[in-house]
Amino acid sequence: MGRDESYYTIGDNSRGTEFVDEALAVLDGAAPCRQLALAIGRRGTHHVRASENQASLPWLDRAIAMGRDVADHDVVSRALSNKGVALWFLGEQEAGVELVQESLRIALAHDLEDLASRNYQTLASLAWMEFDLSGADELFEQAERYSAERDLHGQLMCVLASEISLKVDMGRWDEAVAQAHDLLYVRNTGRASRIEPLTTLGLLSARRGDADGIWGPLDEARDHIAKSQSLGYQGYIAMTRGEVYLLDGDVERIRTEILPWWEESVRLGEEDIVADLTMLVWRAGLVSEPPEGLREPERLTMTGHHREAAELYVAAGLPYKAAWALLDSDDEVDLREARAMFDRLGAKALLERCDAKLRSIGAKVPRGARPSTRSNVGGLTDREVEVLGLLEQGLRNAEIAGQLFLSEKTVGHHVSAILAKLGVSSRLEAVRRARDLSAVG
């Protein structure tokens, strides 16, 4: 059983079922005990990891019942959490979340610290998939505090890695890049926890038009999960590589490498992976009809309701997805709004595509500010110049955070840096000093 968990931790679940079946064979005929209940639960867990959620339920129910019979809280908590995830993907979201919450309560009550941390992370991930990004952010923060306070290094690295991907979705790209570098080059990060930082660096390089920073991180991430048979791992890699192919206009690579994973995700009914891969293959012109059960924003986009889709994404706090939904439109107003969102994000690749589409319909494309005249005064970075410009408008930190898709805490750091670099002590003085230096106005 220990080998099974060790292999999964390093991203290799190719022999997991084999190890569990060996354990079950050894325990065949044994009276109910912890070891047997744990092996039964692990068999169910492998079905969940393989997206075979319906098949997992009999195993997990047996593990829960036997775990309760032998009073093993660890077994019960593990099986409840995995059953909750299985039910969530089978369409019983409320019941699934309740089971994970029950698992968390058991783990907290019996000092099962590793399981408690995992449950916080699972609840965060479920909230994320339900488009409750603020709730997911809060749960990841709880998981981070809990893990750090108890020196759960492995779990802490998993939390920090997941937070990176969430920040990408929320448009907090600078924070995501900084945290990715921290995990990869400062902390002692295991193989599995390197996947999201690596894909983040490669993907954001592509979105920002930095060709040199793309394939090194993406290829390393792919190599880390080469032996994984999990759609969660393989689908995630397919989504990131597929977007880069799409930005490059490489439809053939999408057809040969990404389309098979889309077909597999549709077969298995993995909602979040289906949604992202569907948009990739649809935008590449490889499919035309929404698959059954596709999420509402993606279905709206594919059926020509671009603004309605964008509004759902904006309400969820997903600016990049919202902007791309508008880019799919041929309406000038939609395209100009998409352009403004891409500009704020620094999404150079799609900003250029948006400009080209505007020109194709005869619309004028606005000229961007000249970085050489705005970013170097006082030693300010490009982002600090943006914050300074919003300070001039009288915006508070929370309002600036909303405009730039940053956290309020990050805006506070930028404001402090601006004051220090300009040698002033207040926001008003910073604006006046910047005017004197021709940084603003």
Protein backbone atom coordinates (compact mmCIF):
# COMPACT_ATOMS: atom_id res chain seq x y z
CA MET A 1 0.00 0.00 0.00
CA GLY A 2 2.87 2.33 0.75
CA ARG A 3 4.29 1.82 -2.75
CA ASP A 4 0.95 2.80 -4.25
CA GLU A 5 0.93 6.18 -2.47
CA SER A 6 4.62 6.81 -3.17
CA TYR A 7 4.22 6.24 -6.89
CA TYR A 8 1.19 8.55 -7.04
CA THR A 9 3.05 11.29 -5.17
CA ILE A 10 5.70 11.42 -7.92
CA GLY A 11 3.07 11.50 -10.66
CA ASP A 12 3.18 7.81 -11.62
CA ASN A 13 -0.06 5.91 -11.11
CA SER A 14 0.65 3.33 -13.81
CA ARG A 15 1.02 0.52 -11.25
CA GLY A 16 -1.28 1.76 -8.52
CA THR A 17 -4.11 -0.69 -9.19
CA GLU A 18 -1.58 -3.53 -9.35
CA PHE A 19 -0.23 -2.72 -5.88
CA VAL A 20 -3.73 -2.46 -4.37
CA ASP A 21 -4.85 -5.72 -5.95
CA GLU A 22 -1.76 -7.41 -4.48
CA ALA A 23 -2.75 -6.13 -1.05
CA LEU A 24 -6.35 -7.32 -1.51
CA ALA A 25 -5.11 -10.77 -2.56
CA VAL A 26 -2.93 -11.03 0.54
CA LEU A 27 -5.86 -9.97 2.75
CA ASP A 28 -8.40 -12.23 1.05
CA GLY A 29 -10.50 -13.98 3.69
CA ALA A 30 -9.19 -11.80 6.52
CA ALA A 31 -11.56 -10.56 9.21
CA PRO A 32 -12.52 -6.88 9.04
CA CYS A 33 -9.49 -4.80 9.99
CA ARG A 34 -7.79 -1.50 9.21
CA GLN A 35 -5.53 -2.95 6.53
CA LEU A 36 -8.41 -4.54 4.60
CA ALA A 37 -10.61 -1.45 4.90
CA LEU A 38 -7.73 0.72 3.71
CA ALA A 39 -7.06 -1.54 0.69
CA ILE A 40 -10.74 -1.53 -0.27
CA GLY A 41 -10.82 2.25 0.02
CA ARG A 42 -7.69 2.59 -2.09
CA ARG A 43 -9.31 0.50 -4.81
CA GLY A 44 -12.17 2.97 -4.88
CA THR A 45 -9.74 5.88 -4.90
CA HIS A 46 -8.07 4.52 -8.03
CA HIS A 47 -11.42 4.47 -9.79
CA VAL A 48 -11.91 8.16 -8.84
CA ARG A 49 -8.43 9.06 -10.11
CA ALA A 50 -9.24 7.28 -13.37
CA SER A 51 -12.51 9.28 -13.61
CA GLU A 52 -14.46 6.03 -13.18
CA ASN A 53 -16.63 7.63 -10.55
CA GLN A 54 -19.63 5.31 -10.64
CA ALA A 55 -17.38 2.27 -10.31
CA SER A 56 -15.72 3.78 -7.24
CA LEU A 57 -18.87 3.97 -5.12
CA PRO A 58 -19.26 0.28 -4.08
CA TRP A 59 -15.62 0.13 -2.99
CA LEU A 60 -15.79 3.40 -1.07
CA ASP A 61 -19.08 2.45 0.63
CA ARG A 62 -17.51 -0.84 1.76
CA ALA A 63 -14.47 1.02 3.10
CA ILE A 64 -16.65 3.49 5.02
CA ALA A 65 -18.74 0.71 6.56
CA MET A 66 -15.72 -1.42 7.52
CA GLY A 67 -13.80 1.61 8.80
CA ARG A 68 -16.69 2.46 11.10
CA ASP A 69 -16.96 -1.15 12.24
CA VAL A 70 -13.30 -1.20 13.30
CA ALA A 71 -13.43 2.43 14.55
CA ASP A 72 -10.71 3.61 12.18
CA HIS A 73 -11.29 7.33 11.63
CA ASP A 74 -8.46 7.60 9.11
CA VAL A 75 -10.04 5.05 6.75
CA VAL A 76 -13.51 6.61 7.11
CA SER A 77 -12.25 10.13 6.46
CA ARG A 78 -10.31 9.10 3.35
CA ALA A 79 -13.20 7.15 1.86
CA LEU A 80 -15.78 9.85 2.61
CA SER A 81 -13.66 12.48 0.87
CA ASN A 82 -13.17 10.37 -2.23
CA LYS A 83 -16.84 9.43 -2.36
CA GLY A 84 -17.68 13.14 -2.13
CA VAL A 85 -15.50 13.88 -5.15
CA ALA A 86 -17.04 10.99 -7.09
CA LEU A 87 -20.58 12.19 -6.34
CA TRP A 88 -19.64 15.74 -7.32
CA PHE A 89 -18.51 14.59 -10.77
CA LEU A 90 -21.62 12.42 -11.10
CA GLY A 91 -23.74 15.56 -10.82
CA GLU A 92 -24.57 15.39 -7.11
CA GLN A 93 -22.57 18.50 -6.18
CA GLU A 94 -24.30 19.37 -2.92
CA ALA A 95 -24.13 15.82 -1.57
CA GLY A 96 -20.50 15.55 -2.66
CA VAL A 97 -19.45 18.73 -0.86
CA GLU A 98 -21.28 17.61 2.29
CA LEU A 99 -19.30 14.35 2.35
CA VAL A 100 -15.98 16.15 1.98
CA GLN A 101 -17.01 18.52 4.79
CA GLU A 102 -17.87 15.50 6.96
CA SER A 103 -14.47 14.03 6.15
CA LEU A 104 -12.83 17.31 7.18
CA ARG A 105 -14.71 17.36 10.50
CA ILE A 106 -13.55 13.82 11.29
CA ALA A 107 -9.96 14.66 10.37
CA LEU A 108 -9.94 17.79 12.54
CA ALA A 109 -11.58 16.03 15.49
CA HIS A 110 -9.05 13.19 15.48
CA ASP A 111 -5.90 15.16 14.59
CA LEU A 112 -5.55 13.56 11.17
CA GLU A 113 -3.57 16.56 10.00
CA ASP A 114 -2.55 15.37 6.55
CA LEU A 115 -6.13 14.42 5.71
CA ALA A 116 -7.48 17.71 7.07
CA SER A 117 -5.15 19.67 4.80
CA ARG A 118 -6.15 17.56 1.80
CA ASN A 119 -9.83 18.14 2.56
CA TYR A 120 -9.39 21.91 2.70
CA GLN A 121 -7.73 21.64 -0.71
CA THR A 122 -10.47 19.39 -2.08
CA LEU A 123 -13.18 21.79 -0.93
CA ALA A 124 -11.26 24.65 -2.54
CA SER A 125 -11.01 22.77 -5.82
CA LEU A 126 -14.73 21.96 -5.82
CA ALA A 127 -15.59 25.61 -5.13
CA TRP A 128 -13.27 26.61 -7.98
CA MET A 129 -15.01 24.26 -10.41
CA GLU A 130 -18.36 25.73 -9.30
CA PHE A 131 -17.03 29.18 -10.36
CA ASP A 132 -16.84 30.33 -6.71
CA LEU A 133 -13.29 31.64 -7.06
CA SER A 134 -13.40 33.86 -3.97
CA GLY A 135 -14.56 30.88 -1.91
CA ALA A 136 -11.81 28.75 -3.40
CA ASP A 137 -9.25 31.45 -2.59
CA GLU A 138 -10.37 31.56 1.05
CA LEU A 139 -10.26 27.77 1.38
CA PHE A 140 -6.77 27.59 -0.12
CA GLU A 141 -5.68 30.26 2.39
CA GLN A 142 -7.12 28.11 5.19
CA ALA A 143 -5.27 25.10 3.83
CA GLU A 144 -2.05 27.11 3.58
CA ARG A 145 -2.28 28.37 7.18
CA TYR A 146 -3.23 24.95 8.53
CA SER A 147 -0.37 23.21 6.71
CA ALA A 148 2.24 25.84 7.57
CA GLU A 149 1.32 25.88 11.28
CA ARG A 150 1.77 22.10 11.45
CA ASP A 151 4.88 21.82 9.29
CA LEU A 152 3.06 19.72 6.69
CA HIS A 153 5.64 20.52 4.01
CA GLY A 154 4.32 18.26 1.27
CA GLN A 155 0.75 19.46 1.67
CA LEU A 156 1.88 23.09 1.85
CA MET A 157 3.66 22.73 -1.48
CA CYS A 158 0.51 21.25 -3.03
CA VAL A 159 -1.56 24.16 -1.71
CA LEU A 160 0.86 26.78 -3.02
CA ALA A 161 0.98 25.06 -6.41
CA SER A 162 -2.81 25.02 -6.70
CA GLU A 163 -2.98 28.67 -5.66
CA ILE A 164 -0.80 29.54 -8.64
CA SER A 165 -3.30 28.13 -11.12
CA LEU A 166 -6.17 29.87 -9.33
CA LYS A 167 -4.34 33.20 -9.55
CA VAL A 168 -3.87 32.65 -13.28
CA ASP A 169 -7.61 32.13 -13.69
CA MET A 170 -8.35 35.22 -11.59
CA GLY A 171 -6.06 37.37 -13.76
CA ARG A 172 -3.46 37.85 -11.02
CA TRP A 173 -0.65 36.88 -13.36
CA ASP A 174 2.23 38.76 -11.72
CA GLU A 175 1.48 37.08 -8.40
CA ALA A 176 1.23 33.69 -10.09
CA VAL A 177 4.61 34.09 -11.77
CA ALA A 178 6.27 35.24 -8.53
CA GLN A 179 4.83 32.27 -6.61
CA ALA A 180 5.83 29.86 -9.38
CA HIS A 181 9.43 31.05 -9.22
CA ASP A 182 9.33 30.73 -5.43
CA LEU A 183 8.19 27.11 -5.56
CA LEU A 184 10.56 26.09 -8.34
CA TYR A 185 13.75 27.87 -7.34
CA VAL A 186 13.52 28.74 -3.63
CA ARG A 187 11.57 26.00 -1.85
CA ASN A 188 12.25 22.27 -1.75
CA THR A 189 9.38 21.30 -4.05
CA GLY A 190 8.56 17.71 -4.99
CA ARG A 191 7.90 16.54 -8.51
CA ALA A 192 4.09 16.66 -8.37
CA SER A 193 4.11 20.19 -6.94
CA ARG A 194 6.30 21.42 -9.81
CA ILE A 195 3.72 20.75 -12.52
CA GLU A 196 1.48 23.78 -11.98
CA PRO A 197 4.35 26.28 -11.49
CA LEU A 198 6.02 25.03 -14.67
CA THR A 199 2.87 25.11 -16.77
CA THR A 200 2.06 28.58 -15.42
CA LEU A 201 5.42 29.98 -16.50
CA GLY A 202 5.16 28.43 -19.96
CA LEU A 203 1.52 29.38 -20.53
CA LEU A 204 1.85 32.97 -19.32
CA SER A 205 4.96 33.40 -21.46
CA ALA A 206 2.84 32.40 -24.46
CA ARG A 207 0.00 34.71 -23.50
CA ARG A 208 2.43 37.59 -23.00
CA GLY A 209 4.27 36.98 -26.27
CA ASP A 210 7.55 35.80 -24.73
CA ALA A 211 8.53 33.00 -27.12
CA ASP A 212 11.72 32.10 -25.23
CA GLY A 213 9.91 31.22 -22.01
CA ILE A 214 7.34 28.76 -23.32
CA TRP A 215 8.54 25.27 -24.15
CA GLY A 216 11.23 24.63 -21.55
CA PRO A 217 8.77 24.74 -18.61
CA LEU A 218 5.95 23.07 -20.55
CA ASP A 219 8.12 20.17 -21.68
CA GLU A 220 9.49 19.63 -18.17
CA ALA A 221 5.93 19.56 -16.78
CA ARG A 222 4.90 17.03 -19.44
CA ASP A 223 7.88 14.82 -18.61
CA HIS A 224 6.94 14.82 -14.90
CA ILE A 225 3.59 13.18 -15.63
CA ALA A 226 4.69 10.92 -18.48
CA LYS A 227 3.77 7.78 -16.52
CA SER A 228 0.50 9.09 -15.14
CA GLN A 229 -2.72 7.58 -16.42
CA SER A 230 -4.84 10.22 -14.68
CA LEU A 231 -7.01 12.45 -16.85
CA GLY A 232 -6.53 15.11 -14.20
CA TYR A 233 -2.80 15.28 -14.95
CA GLN A 234 -2.87 14.50 -18.66
CA GLY A 235 -5.89 16.71 -19.34
CA TYR A 236 -4.27 19.63 -17.54
CA ILE A 237 -1.12 19.31 -19.63
CA ALA A 238 -3.25 19.01 -22.77
CA MET A 239 -5.11 22.21 -21.89
CA THR A 240 -1.94 24.25 -21.44
CA ARG A 241 -0.09 22.90 -24.47
CA GLY A 242 -3.26 23.14 -26.54
CA GLU A 243 -3.68 26.82 -25.78
CA VAL A 244 -0.12 27.52 -26.88
CA TYR A 245 -0.74 25.63 -30.13
CA LEU A 246 -3.91 27.67 -30.63
CA LEU A 247 -2.09 30.96 -30.03
CA ASP A 248 0.48 29.83 -32.61
CA GLY A 249 -2.22 28.77 -35.07
CA ASP A 250 -0.94 25.18 -35.06
CA VAL A 251 -4.20 23.34 -35.73
CA GLU A 252 -2.47 20.11 -36.75
CA ARG A 253 -0.83 19.71 -33.33
CA ILE A 254 -4.21 20.30 -31.71
CA ARG A 255 -5.72 17.63 -33.96
CA THR A 256 -3.07 15.02 -33.19
CA GLU A 257 -2.22 15.76 -29.54
CA ILE A 258 -5.23 17.50 -27.98
CA LEU A 259 -8.30 16.16 -29.78
CA PRO A 260 -7.82 12.60 -28.40
CA TRP A 261 -7.75 13.95 -24.83
CA TRP A 262 -10.90 15.98 -25.54
CA GLU A 263 -12.62 12.81 -26.75
CA GLU A 264 -11.49 10.96 -23.62
CA SER A 265 -12.67 13.75 -21.32
CA VAL A 266 -16.09 13.77 -23.00
CA ARG A 267 -16.32 9.98 -22.62
CA LEU A 268 -15.50 10.18 -18.92
CA GLY A 269 -17.63 13.28 -18.28
CA GLU A 270 -14.93 15.36 -16.55
CA GLU A 271 -16.79 18.69 -16.58
CA ASP A 272 -13.96 21.17 -16.03
CA ILE A 273 -11.53 19.45 -18.41
CA VAL A 274 -14.26 18.97 -21.02
CA ALA A 275 -15.06 22.69 -20.88
CA ASP A 276 -11.53 23.96 -21.48
CA LEU A 277 -10.60 21.35 -24.08
CA THR A 278 -13.88 21.91 -25.92
CA MET A 279 -13.08 25.61 -26.35
CA LEU A 280 -9.65 24.72 -27.71
CA VAL A 281 -10.84 22.23 -30.31
CA TRP A 282 -13.84 24.44 -31.24
CA ARG A 283 -11.67 27.51 -31.74
CA ALA A 284 -9.34 25.37 -33.84
CA GLY A 285 -12.32 24.47 -36.05
CA LEU A 286 -12.21 20.76 -35.18
CA VAL A 287 -15.69 20.49 -33.60
CA SER A 288 -18.83 22.51 -34.16
CA GLU A 289 -21.45 21.25 -31.69
CA PRO A 290 -21.29 21.50 -27.87
CA PRO A 291 -20.96 18.08 -26.20
CA GLU A 292 -23.72 17.00 -23.88
CA GLY A 293 -23.44 18.52 -20.41
CA LEU A 294 -21.07 21.32 -21.40
CA ARG A 295 -20.92 24.17 -18.89
CA GLU A 296 -23.17 27.14 -19.61
CA PRO A 297 -20.51 29.79 -20.46
CA GLU A 298 -18.82 27.52 -22.97
CA ARG A 299 -22.16 26.46 -24.47
CA LEU A 300 -23.18 30.11 -24.84
CA THR A 301 -19.90 30.95 -26.54
CA MET A 302 -20.22 28.10 -29.04
CA THR A 303 -23.81 29.07 -29.89
CA GLY A 304 -23.00 32.72 -30.59
CA HIS A 305 -24.08 34.27 -27.29
CA HIS A 306 -20.69 35.83 -26.63
CA ARG A 307 -21.70 38.68 -24.35
CA GLU A 308 -23.86 36.44 -22.15
CA ALA A 309 -20.92 34.05 -21.79
CA ALA A 310 -18.55 36.90 -20.97
CA GLU A 311 -20.92 38.20 -18.30
CA LEU A 312 -20.92 34.80 -16.58
CA TYR A 313 -17.13 34.69 -16.66
CA VAL A 314 -16.86 38.25 -15.32
CA ALA A 315 -19.29 37.45 -12.50
CA ALA A 316 -17.11 34.46 -11.59
CA GLY A 317 -13.93 36.55 -11.67
CA LEU A 318 -12.43 35.01 -14.83
CA PRO A 319 -11.23 37.97 -16.92
CA TYR A 320 -9.15 36.10 -19.52
CA LYS A 321 -11.97 33.68 -20.32
CA ALA A 322 -14.40 36.62 -20.49
CA ALA A 323 -12.17 38.53 -22.89
CA TRP A 324 -11.70 35.51 -25.16
CA ALA A 325 -15.48 34.93 -25.26
CA LEU A 326 -15.87 38.51 -26.50
CA LEU A 327 -13.03 38.04 -29.00
CA ASP A 328 -15.08 35.23 -30.57
CA SER A 329 -17.70 37.85 -31.45
CA ASP A 330 -17.77 39.96 -34.63
CA ASP A 331 -19.36 42.92 -32.84
CA GLU A 332 -17.10 45.99 -32.59
CA VAL A 333 -18.28 46.85 -29.08
CA ASP A 334 -17.51 43.31 -27.89
CA LEU A 335 -14.10 43.40 -29.55
CA ARG A 336 -13.17 46.75 -28.01
CA GLU A 337 -14.16 45.48 -24.57
CA ALA A 338 -12.10 42.34 -25.15
CA ARG A 339 -9.17 44.48 -26.21
CA ALA A 340 -9.33 46.56 -23.03
CA MET A 341 -9.37 43.41 -20.89
CA PHE A 342 -6.46 41.81 -22.74
CA ASP A 343 -4.53 45.07 -22.42
CA ARG A 344 -5.04 45.21 -18.64
CA LEU A 345 -3.95 41.58 -18.32
CA GLY A 346 -0.88 42.02 -20.50
CA ALA A 347 -2.15 39.30 -22.85
CA LYS A 348 -0.12 40.43 -25.85
CA ALA A 349 -0.87 37.42 -28.05
CA LEU A 350 -4.64 37.86 -28.01
CA LEU A 351 -4.40 41.66 -27.89
CA GLU A 352 -2.69 41.51 -31.28
CA ARG A 353 -5.31 39.07 -32.56
CA CYS A 354 -8.03 41.41 -31.31
CA ASP A 355 -6.42 44.37 -33.12
CA ALA A 356 -6.29 42.35 -36.34
CA LYS A 357 -9.95 41.44 -36.03
CA LEU A 358 -10.91 45.07 -35.40
CA ARG A 359 -9.02 46.13 -38.51
CA SER A 360 -10.72 43.38 -40.53
CA ILE A 361 -14.13 44.93 -39.83
CA GLY A 362 -12.87 48.43 -40.65
CA ALA A 363 -12.60 49.65 -37.06
CA LYS A 364 -9.83 51.89 -35.78
CA VAL A 365 -7.36 50.37 -33.35
CA PRO A 366 -6.28 52.57 -30.42
CA ARG A 367 -2.61 53.32 -30.05
CA GLY A 368 -1.05 52.03 -26.86
CA ALA A 369 0.97 54.11 -24.44
CA ARG A 370 4.69 54.25 -25.15
CA PRO A 371 6.45 52.23 -22.39
CA SER A 372 9.71 54.12 -22.96
CA THR A 373 8.08 57.38 -21.88
CA ARG A 374 6.09 55.98 -18.95
CA SER A 375 7.84 53.08 -17.20
CA ASN A 376 11.32 54.34 -16.37
CA VAL A 377 10.63 57.58 -14.50
CA GLY A 378 11.64 57.19 -10.90
CA GLY A 379 12.62 53.59 -11.59
CA LEU A 380 8.98 52.49 -11.59
CA THR A 381 8.00 49.20 -13.19
CA ASP A 382 5.27 49.01 -15.82
CA ARG A 383 2.81 47.73 -13.22
CA GLU A 384 3.71 50.51 -10.78
CA VAL A 385 3.07 53.07 -13.53
CA GLU A 386 -0.38 51.52 -14.05
CA VAL A 387 -1.11 51.73 -10.32
CA LEU A 388 0.15 55.31 -10.24
CA GLY A 389 -2.18 56.27 -13.06
CA LEU A 390 -5.14 54.90 -11.09
CA LEU A 391 -3.98 56.68 -7.96
CA GLU A 392 -4.22 59.91 -9.94
CA GLN A 393 -7.87 59.10 -10.59
CA GLY A 394 -8.45 58.92 -6.83
CA LEU A 395 -9.07 55.17 -6.74
CA ARG A 396 -8.66 53.24 -3.50
CA ASN A 397 -6.64 50.05 -3.25
CA ALA A 398 -9.71 47.80 -3.54
CA GLU A 399 -10.85 49.64 -6.68
CA ILE A 400 -7.37 49.44 -8.21
CA ALA A 401 -7.30 45.71 -7.43
CA GLY A 402 -10.54 45.27 -9.35
CA GLN A 403 -9.28 47.25 -12.33
CA LEU A 404 -5.98 45.39 -12.63
CA PHE A 405 -7.12 41.91 -11.51
CA LEU A 406 -4.76 41.96 -8.52
CA SER A 407 -5.33 41.27 -4.84
CA GLU A 408 -5.73 44.29 -2.57
CA LYS A 409 -2.62 43.15 -0.68
CA THR A 410 -0.55 43.21 -3.88
CA VAL A 411 -1.82 46.71 -4.73
CA GLY A 412 -0.71 47.82 -1.27
CA HIS A 413 2.80 46.51 -1.98
CA HIS A 414 2.88 48.41 -5.30
CA VAL A 415 1.75 51.65 -3.61
CA SER A 416 4.44 51.29 -0.96
CA ALA A 417 7.07 50.72 -3.66
CA ILE A 418 5.89 53.80 -5.59
CA LEU A 419 6.12 56.01 -2.49
CA ALA A 420 9.61 54.72 -1.71
CA LYS A 421 10.92 55.14 -5.27
CA LEU A 422 9.52 58.65 -5.62
CA GLY A 423 10.72 59.65 -2.15
CA VAL A 424 7.31 60.77 -0.85
CA SER A 425 5.07 59.79 2.05
CA SER A 426 1.55 60.09 0.66
CA ARG A 427 -0.43 59.08 -2.40
CA LEU A 428 -1.19 62.70 -3.29
CA GLU A 429 2.50 63.59 -3.11
CA ALA A 430 3.28 60.63 -5.36
CA VAL A 431 0.90 61.91 -8.03
CA ARG A 432 2.34 65.43 -7.81
CA ARG A 433 5.91 64.15 -7.93
CA ALA A 434 5.06 61.93 -10.91
CA ARG A 435 3.58 64.89 -12.77
CA ASP A 436 6.76 66.83 -12.18
CA LEU A 437 8.70 63.93 -13.66
CA SER A 438 6.23 63.57 -16.54
CA ALA A 439 5.26 60.07 -15.42
CA VAL A 440 1.59 60.92 -15.33
CA GLY A 441 -0.43 63.42 -17.32
